[in-house]
Amino acid sequence: MTALGHLQRGGVPSPTDRLLATRLGTLCAEAIDKGKYGVMVAVRGQKCTLVPLEKVAGRRKTVPLDHAWIRSARLVGTCFGD
């Protein structure tokens, strides 16, 4: 199986990618097991947490154009269409 995000990035999942996926996936499974629906799993700081969908649905959270992530992405040739 190929994860599109890793294919686009040009590599296999890193240990950090795998750990994050495991943390998010297990919290999701726990939420389902406890009957908690209408939530999404998010990372806040160093913790994974459940966030009610009504707090995030229809909202847009953008990354400022001068953010370090954007600068780094541009340095390696990522195109944002602008």
N, C-alpha and C. Protein backbone atom coordinates (compact mmCIF):
# COMPACT_ATOMS: atom_id res chain seq x y z
N MET A 1 0.84 -1.18 0.00
CA MET A 1 0.00 0.00 0.00
C MET A 1 0.88 1.24 0.00
N THR A 2 0.46 2.26 -0.72
CA THR A 2 1.20 3.52 -0.78
C THR A 2 0.34 4.63 -0.23
N ALA A 3 0.91 5.40 0.69
CA ALA A 3 0.21 6.58 1.21
C ALA A 3 0.53 7.74 0.29
N LEU A 4 -0.49 8.35 -0.28
CA LEU A 4 -0.30 9.41 -1.27
C LEU A 4 0.58 10.52 -0.74
N GLY A 5 0.37 10.92 0.51
CA GLY A 5 1.19 12.00 1.07
C GLY A 5 2.67 11.69 1.05
N HIS A 6 3.02 10.44 1.31
CA HIS A 6 4.43 10.05 1.30
C HIS A 6 4.95 9.96 -0.12
N LEU A 7 4.12 9.53 -1.04
CA LEU A 7 4.51 9.47 -2.44
C LEU A 7 4.78 10.89 -2.95
N GLN A 8 3.91 11.83 -2.61
CA GLN A 8 4.09 13.21 -3.05
C GLN A 8 5.34 13.82 -2.44
N ARG A 9 5.62 13.46 -1.19
CA ARG A 9 6.79 13.98 -0.52
C ARG A 9 8.05 13.31 -1.02
N GLY A 10 7.91 12.16 -1.61
CA GLY A 10 9.06 11.48 -2.17
C GLY A 10 9.73 10.50 -1.24
N GLY A 11 8.99 9.87 -0.37
CA GLY A 11 9.64 8.91 0.50
C GLY A 11 8.66 8.05 1.27
N VAL A 12 9.21 7.18 2.06
CA VAL A 12 8.41 6.31 2.91
C VAL A 12 8.10 7.03 4.21
N PRO A 13 7.09 6.58 4.95
CA PRO A 13 6.80 7.22 6.23
C PRO A 13 8.00 7.13 7.18
N SER A 14 8.24 8.23 7.86
CA SER A 14 9.32 8.25 8.85
C SER A 14 8.81 7.64 10.16
N PRO A 15 9.70 7.32 11.08
CA PRO A 15 9.24 6.84 12.40
C PRO A 15 8.28 7.83 13.06
N THR A 16 8.52 9.12 12.88
CA THR A 16 7.63 10.13 13.46
C THR A 16 6.25 10.05 12.84
N ASP A 17 6.17 9.87 11.51
CA ASP A 17 4.89 9.70 10.83
C ASP A 17 4.14 8.51 11.38
N ARG A 18 4.85 7.41 11.55
CA ARG A 18 4.22 6.17 12.03
C ARG A 18 3.73 6.33 13.47
N LEU A 19 4.52 6.99 14.30
CA LEU A 19 4.12 7.20 15.69
C LEU A 19 2.88 8.10 15.77
N LEU A 20 2.87 9.17 14.99
CA LEU A 20 1.72 10.07 14.98
C LEU A 20 0.47 9.33 14.52
N ALA A 21 0.59 8.55 13.46
CA ALA A 21 -0.56 7.79 12.96
C ALA A 21 -1.07 6.81 14.01
N THR A 22 -0.16 6.19 14.73
CA THR A 22 -0.56 5.26 15.79
C THR A 22 -1.27 5.98 16.92
N ARG A 23 -0.73 7.11 17.33
CA ARG A 23 -1.35 7.88 18.42
C ARG A 23 -2.74 8.36 18.03
N LEU A 24 -2.88 8.92 16.82
CA LEU A 24 -4.18 9.41 16.38
C LEU A 24 -5.17 8.25 16.19
N GLY A 25 -4.69 7.18 15.59
CA GLY A 25 -5.56 6.03 15.33
C GLY A 25 -6.06 5.36 16.60
N THR A 26 -5.19 5.22 17.59
CA THR A 26 -5.64 4.57 18.83
C THR A 26 -6.62 5.45 19.58
N LEU A 27 -6.42 6.77 19.58
CA LEU A 27 -7.39 7.65 20.24
C LEU A 27 -8.73 7.60 19.52
N CYS A 28 -8.69 7.53 18.20
CA CYS A 28 -9.92 7.42 17.41
C CYS A 28 -10.66 6.12 17.76
N ALA A 29 -9.92 5.02 17.82
CA ALA A 29 -10.54 3.73 18.16
C ALA A 29 -11.12 3.75 19.57
N GLU A 30 -10.42 4.38 20.51
CA GLU A 30 -10.94 4.49 21.88
C GLU A 30 -12.23 5.31 21.90
N ALA A 31 -12.27 6.39 21.12
CA ALA A 31 -13.48 7.23 21.07
C ALA A 31 -14.66 6.42 20.54
N ILE A 32 -14.44 5.67 19.48
CA ILE A 32 -15.51 4.84 18.91
C ILE A 32 -15.96 3.80 19.92
N ASP A 33 -14.99 3.18 20.60
CA ASP A 33 -15.31 2.17 21.60
C ASP A 33 -16.17 2.73 22.73
N LYS A 34 -15.95 4.01 23.07
CA LYS A 34 -16.70 4.65 24.14
C LYS A 34 -17.98 5.32 23.63
N GLY A 35 -18.26 5.18 22.33
CA GLY A 35 -19.47 5.77 21.77
C GLY A 35 -19.39 7.26 21.57
N LYS A 36 -18.19 7.81 21.48
CA LYS A 36 -18.02 9.25 21.27
C LYS A 36 -17.93 9.51 19.77
N TYR A 37 -18.98 10.10 19.24
CA TYR A 37 -19.04 10.41 17.81
C TYR A 37 -19.17 11.92 17.63
N GLY A 38 -19.02 12.38 16.42
CA GLY A 38 -19.13 13.82 16.16
C GLY A 38 -17.91 14.58 16.64
N VAL A 39 -16.78 13.88 16.69
CA VAL A 39 -15.53 14.50 17.11
C VAL A 39 -14.44 14.18 16.10
N MET A 40 -13.38 14.97 16.15
CA MET A 40 -12.19 14.66 15.38
C MET A 40 -11.02 14.53 16.33
N VAL A 41 -10.00 13.83 15.90
CA VAL A 41 -8.81 13.68 16.71
C VAL A 41 -7.82 14.75 16.26
N ALA A 42 -7.24 15.45 17.23
CA ALA A 42 -6.31 16.53 16.91
C ALA A 42 -5.09 16.45 17.81
N VAL A 43 -4.04 17.10 17.38
CA VAL A 43 -2.83 17.22 18.19
C VAL A 43 -2.79 18.65 18.70
N ARG A 44 -2.67 18.78 20.01
CA ARG A 44 -2.52 20.09 20.64
C ARG A 44 -1.29 20.02 21.52
N GLY A 45 -0.26 20.73 21.11
CA GLY A 45 1.01 20.64 21.83
C GLY A 45 1.57 19.24 21.67
N GLN A 46 1.79 18.56 22.78
CA GLN A 46 2.32 17.20 22.75
C GLN A 46 1.23 16.16 22.96
N LYS A 47 -0.03 16.58 23.08
CA LYS A 47 -1.12 15.65 23.38
C LYS A 47 -2.09 15.51 22.23
N CYS A 48 -2.67 14.33 22.12
CA CYS A 48 -3.76 14.09 21.19
C CYS A 48 -5.06 14.27 21.97
N THR A 49 -6.02 14.90 21.33
CA THR A 49 -7.27 15.20 22.01
C THR A 49 -8.44 15.08 21.05
N LEU A 50 -9.64 14.95 21.60
CA LEU A 50 -10.86 14.93 20.79
C LEU A 50 -11.43 16.34 20.76
N VAL A 51 -11.85 16.77 19.58
CA VAL A 51 -12.43 18.10 19.40
C VAL A 51 -13.80 17.93 18.77
N PRO A 52 -14.85 18.49 19.39
CA PRO A 52 -16.19 18.40 18.79
C PRO A 52 -16.20 19.03 17.39
N LEU A 53 -16.84 18.35 16.45
CA LEU A 53 -16.86 18.85 15.07
C LEU A 53 -17.51 20.22 14.95
N GLU A 54 -18.48 20.53 15.81
CA GLU A 54 -19.12 21.85 15.69
C GLU A 54 -18.14 22.99 16.01
N LYS A 55 -17.04 22.68 16.67
CA LYS A 55 -16.04 23.72 16.94
C LYS A 55 -15.13 23.98 15.75
N VAL A 56 -15.09 23.05 14.79
CA VAL A 56 -14.17 23.20 13.66
C VAL A 56 -14.86 23.20 12.30
N ALA A 57 -16.04 22.65 12.20
CA ALA A 57 -16.73 22.55 10.90
C ALA A 57 -17.03 23.94 10.35
N GLY A 58 -16.72 24.13 9.10
CA GLY A 58 -17.01 25.40 8.44
C GLY A 58 -16.01 26.49 8.74
N ARG A 59 -14.99 26.18 9.52
CA ARG A 59 -13.96 27.17 9.84
C ARG A 59 -12.70 26.85 9.05
N ARG A 60 -11.95 27.86 8.79
CA ARG A 60 -10.71 27.68 8.05
C ARG A 60 -9.56 28.13 8.95
N LYS A 61 -8.58 27.27 9.09
CA LYS A 61 -7.38 27.61 9.84
C LYS A 61 -6.23 27.64 8.85
N THR A 62 -5.65 28.79 8.67
CA THR A 62 -4.59 28.94 7.68
C THR A 62 -3.23 29.08 8.35
N VAL A 63 -2.21 28.80 7.59
CA VAL A 63 -0.84 29.00 8.05
C VAL A 63 -0.37 30.33 7.47
N PRO A 64 0.12 31.25 8.30
CA PRO A 64 0.58 32.53 7.78
C PRO A 64 1.68 32.34 6.73
N LEU A 65 1.67 33.17 5.70
CA LEU A 65 2.62 33.03 4.60
C LEU A 65 4.07 33.20 5.05
N ASP A 66 4.29 33.86 6.19
CA ASP A 66 5.66 34.03 6.68
C ASP A 66 6.05 32.97 7.72
N HIS A 67 5.22 31.94 7.87
CA HIS A 67 5.48 30.87 8.84
C HIS A 67 6.70 30.05 8.39
N ALA A 68 7.44 29.53 9.36
CA ALA A 68 8.64 28.74 9.07
C ALA A 68 8.33 27.54 8.18
N TRP A 69 7.17 26.91 8.33
CA TRP A 69 6.80 25.77 7.49
C TRP A 69 6.71 26.18 6.03
N ILE A 70 6.11 27.33 5.78
CA ILE A 70 5.95 27.82 4.41
C ILE A 70 7.32 28.16 3.83
N ARG A 71 8.13 28.86 4.60
CA ARG A 71 9.48 29.21 4.12
C ARG A 71 10.27 27.96 3.80
N SER A 72 10.23 26.97 4.66
CA SER A 72 10.97 25.72 4.43
C SER A 72 10.46 25.00 3.19
N ALA A 73 9.15 24.94 3.04
CA ALA A 73 8.56 24.27 1.88
C ALA A 73 8.99 24.95 0.58
N ARG A 74 8.99 26.27 0.58
CA ARG A 74 9.41 26.99 -0.62
C ARG A 74 10.88 26.75 -0.93
N LEU A 75 11.71 26.64 0.11
CA LEU A 75 13.15 26.41 -0.10
C LEU A 75 13.43 25.06 -0.77
N VAL A 76 12.55 24.09 -0.58
CA VAL A 76 12.75 22.79 -1.22
C VAL A 76 11.92 22.66 -2.50
N GLY A 77 11.34 23.77 -2.96
CA GLY A 77 10.66 23.78 -4.24
C GLY A 77 9.18 23.49 -4.23
N THR A 78 8.54 23.49 -3.06
CA THR A 78 7.09 23.26 -3.00
C THR A 78 6.38 24.47 -3.60
N CYS A 79 5.43 24.21 -4.47
CA CYS A 79 4.64 25.26 -5.11
C CYS A 79 3.28 25.35 -4.45
N PHE A 80 2.89 26.55 -4.07
CA PHE A 80 1.58 26.77 -3.45
C PHE A 80 0.60 27.40 -4.43
N GLY A 81 0.98 27.48 -5.70
CA GLY A 81 0.09 27.97 -6.72
C GLY A 81 0.01 29.48 -6.81
N ASP A 82 0.91 30.16 -6.15
CA ASP A 82 0.87 31.63 -6.21
C ASP A 82 2.00 32.22 -7.00
